[in-house]
Amino acid sequence: MVSGAEQFEVCDFIYCGVRQIIGGKLGDCVLPLLADGTRATRLFARKGNKGSRRVVGGVYAGAKFSAEQASGLDAARFVRRWDNADDVMRWEAADGQAEDAIRTKKLEADAGRISEIERVLLPLRRVYHAHRRQNDHSGMEALRAAVQRALSTPPRVSEQDK
């Protein structure tokens, strides 16, 4: 039986912001600090931004790292800000870029969900949902019936495109 126990070491880490990780989702990224105070070269990414909005470029204490895993990131506490401003600016730019990319994907997906019929019926949909907010079921039903009648009526001569 092979032992899967990895050696975890308590060390500080730098929060590097969020990045797009596998699957296109956002994930928190951290860099462990070595015993001599320099930063490690391997970036650790955690699936899903857990809502732990930390300071990009902030140094945190209390997490444990092995060669392949990190643990205790949520319980870590802020210690100070990383001294190298160039590193922090690079991380802040990458953090903003990742969030912008995800926001753009969401806007694109949202725009794709709107059908042409929904766009044309938007004024009627607003009236319908105003009735719904007021629990006006008779108003909702009257509007539904009016739309059904309008759809059943053939285009009038004055409405024909010439």
Protein backbone atom coordinates (compact mmCIF):
# COMPACT_ATOMS: atom_id res chain seq x y z
CA MET A 1 0.00 0.00 0.00
CA VAL A 2 1.44 3.36 -1.09
CA SER A 3 1.22 6.20 1.39
CA GLY A 4 -0.28 9.33 -0.15
CA ALA A 5 0.66 11.48 2.84
CA GLU A 6 2.38 14.62 1.64
CA GLN A 7 4.59 16.73 3.85
CA PHE A 8 2.86 20.05 4.53
CA GLU A 9 4.87 23.04 5.69
CA VAL A 10 3.39 26.15 7.30
CA CYS A 11 4.47 29.23 5.39
CA ASP A 12 3.27 32.66 4.35
CA PHE A 13 1.91 33.28 0.88
CA ILE A 14 1.19 36.15 -1.47
CA TYR A 15 -2.32 36.47 -2.83
CA CYS A 16 -1.94 37.05 -6.61
CA GLY A 17 -5.61 37.62 -7.43
CA VAL A 18 -7.95 35.57 -9.55
CA ARG A 19 -7.15 33.87 -12.83
CA GLN A 20 -9.09 31.86 -15.35
CA ILE A 21 -8.28 28.26 -14.57
CA ILE A 22 -9.38 24.93 -16.01
CA GLY A 23 -12.93 25.11 -17.32
CA GLY A 24 -12.78 28.90 -17.80
CA LYS A 25 -13.87 29.62 -14.25
CA LEU A 26 -12.19 32.01 -11.85
CA GLY A 27 -9.87 30.68 -9.19
CA ASP A 28 -7.75 32.23 -6.44
CA CYS A 29 -4.00 32.14 -7.07
CA VAL A 30 -1.30 32.28 -4.42
CA LEU A 31 2.49 32.11 -4.32
CA PRO A 32 4.10 30.56 -1.24
CA LEU A 33 6.99 32.43 0.36
CA LEU A 34 10.15 30.46 0.96
CA ALA A 35 11.92 30.42 4.33
CA ASP A 36 14.37 33.11 3.14
CA GLY A 37 11.47 35.49 2.33
CA THR A 38 11.64 35.13 -1.45
CA ARG A 39 8.63 34.00 -3.42
CA ALA A 40 8.33 30.52 -4.85
CA THR A 41 8.16 30.07 -8.60
CA ARG A 42 5.13 27.75 -8.61
CA LEU A 43 1.73 29.45 -8.53
CA PHE A 44 -1.03 27.55 -6.69
CA ALA A 45 -4.56 27.93 -8.04
CA ARG A 46 -7.68 27.04 -6.11
CA LYS A 47 -10.87 26.19 -7.97
CA GLY A 48 -13.62 28.68 -7.52
CA ASN A 49 -13.27 32.10 -6.08
CA LYS A 50 -14.63 31.42 -2.62
CA GLY A 51 -15.61 35.05 -2.16
CA SER A 52 -12.47 35.60 -0.14
CA ARG A 53 -11.65 38.97 -1.60
CA ARG A 54 -8.13 39.39 -0.42
CA VAL A 55 -5.70 42.18 -1.19
CA VAL A 56 -3.84 41.47 -4.43
CA GLY A 57 -0.19 41.53 -3.45
CA GLY A 58 -1.01 40.96 0.21
CA VAL A 59 1.13 38.62 2.26
CA TYR A 60 -0.89 36.22 4.41
CA ALA A 61 0.18 33.82 7.17
CA GLY A 62 -1.26 30.56 8.40
CA ALA A 63 -1.56 28.31 5.34
CA LYS A 64 0.19 25.01 4.72
CA PHE A 65 1.84 23.99 1.45
CA SER A 66 3.22 20.76 0.06
CA ALA A 67 4.85 20.24 -3.31
CA GLU A 68 1.43 19.81 -4.96
CA GLN A 69 -1.24 21.18 -2.62
CA ALA A 70 -2.19 24.08 -0.40
CA SER A 71 -4.40 23.97 2.67
CA GLY A 72 -5.76 26.47 5.16
CA LEU A 73 -5.99 29.37 2.72
CA ASP A 74 -9.34 30.52 4.10
CA ALA A 75 -8.03 30.74 7.67
CA ALA A 76 -4.94 32.77 6.75
CA ARG A 77 -4.58 36.29 8.11
CA PHE A 78 -3.17 39.41 6.49
CA VAL A 79 0.38 40.30 7.52
CA ARG A 80 1.60 43.02 5.17
CA ARG A 81 1.75 44.12 1.55
CA TRP A 82 4.40 42.62 -0.78
CA ASP A 83 7.27 45.09 -1.20
CA ASN A 84 7.88 44.68 -4.94
CA ALA A 85 5.49 47.15 -6.64
CA ASP A 86 6.23 45.73 -10.12
CA ASP A 87 5.05 42.28 -9.04
CA VAL A 88 1.91 43.73 -7.45
CA MET A 89 1.03 45.77 -10.55
CA ARG A 90 1.48 42.71 -12.78
CA TRP A 91 -0.78 40.63 -10.50
CA GLU A 92 -3.41 43.39 -10.32
CA ALA A 93 -3.45 43.66 -14.12
CA ALA A 94 -3.84 39.87 -14.53
CA ASP A 95 -6.58 39.85 -11.86
CA GLY A 96 -8.53 42.56 -13.68
CA GLN A 97 -8.03 40.87 -17.03
CA ALA A 98 -9.39 37.56 -15.73
CA GLU A 99 -12.46 39.21 -14.21
CA ASP A 100 -13.09 41.20 -17.42
CA ALA A 101 -12.89 38.04 -19.53
CA ILE A 102 -15.44 36.26 -17.34
CA ARG A 103 -17.72 39.33 -17.29
CA THR A 104 -17.56 39.52 -21.11
CA LYS A 105 -18.44 35.82 -21.41
CA LYS A 106 -21.46 36.32 -19.14
CA LEU A 107 -22.65 39.35 -21.12
CA GLU A 108 -22.24 37.45 -24.37
CA ALA A 109 -24.18 34.46 -23.02
CA ASP A 110 -26.90 36.76 -21.71
CA ALA A 111 -27.21 38.50 -25.09
CA GLY A 112 -27.49 35.12 -26.80
CA ARG A 113 -30.41 34.12 -24.60
CA ILE A 114 -32.62 36.97 -25.80
CA SER A 115 -34.66 35.87 -28.78
CA GLU A 116 -35.94 38.31 -31.37
CA ILE A 117 -39.50 37.57 -30.25
CA GLU A 118 -38.66 38.48 -26.65
CA ARG A 119 -37.00 41.70 -27.83
CA VAL A 120 -40.06 42.71 -29.89
CA LEU A 121 -42.42 41.86 -27.02
CA LEU A 122 -40.35 43.68 -24.37
CA PRO A 123 -42.92 46.48 -23.76
CA LEU A 124 -45.69 43.89 -23.27
CA ARG A 125 -43.43 41.76 -21.04
CA ARG A 126 -42.82 44.80 -18.81
CA VAL A 127 -46.57 45.43 -18.47
CA TYR A 128 -47.18 41.74 -17.76
CA HIS A 129 -44.55 41.64 -15.00
CA ALA A 130 -45.91 44.86 -13.50
CA HIS A 131 -49.24 43.02 -13.15
CA ARG A 132 -47.39 40.04 -11.67
CA ARG A 133 -45.61 42.21 -9.04
CA GLN A 134 -49.00 43.58 -7.99
CA ASN A 135 -50.54 40.08 -7.91
CA ASP A 136 -53.02 41.31 -10.51
CA HIS A 137 -53.98 37.95 -12.00
CA SER A 138 -56.90 39.36 -13.94
CA GLY A 139 -54.61 41.95 -15.56
CA MET A 140 -52.13 39.21 -16.46
CA GLU A 141 -54.88 37.08 -17.98
CA ALA A 142 -56.37 40.04 -19.89
CA LEU A 143 -52.99 40.86 -21.40
CA ARG A 144 -52.41 37.19 -22.30
CA ALA A 145 -55.80 37.08 -24.06
CA ALA A 146 -55.11 40.37 -25.89
CA VAL A 147 -51.77 39.05 -27.17
CA GLN A 148 -53.44 35.81 -28.29
CA ARG A 149 -56.12 37.79 -30.17
CA ALA A 150 -53.46 40.01 -31.78
CA LEU A 151 -51.49 36.96 -32.93
CA SER A 152 -54.64 35.41 -34.39
CA THR A 153 -55.55 38.52 -36.35
CA PRO A 154 -54.09 38.64 -39.88
CA PRO A 155 -52.07 41.73 -40.81
CA ARG A 156 -54.23 44.61 -41.89
CA VAL A 157 -53.77 46.33 -45.24
CA SER A 158 -52.38 49.44 -43.51
CA GLU A 159 -49.79 47.23 -41.76
CA GLN A 160 -48.53 45.54 -44.94
CA ASP A 161 -44.99 46.38 -46.06
CA LYS A 162 -44.99 47.88 -49.50
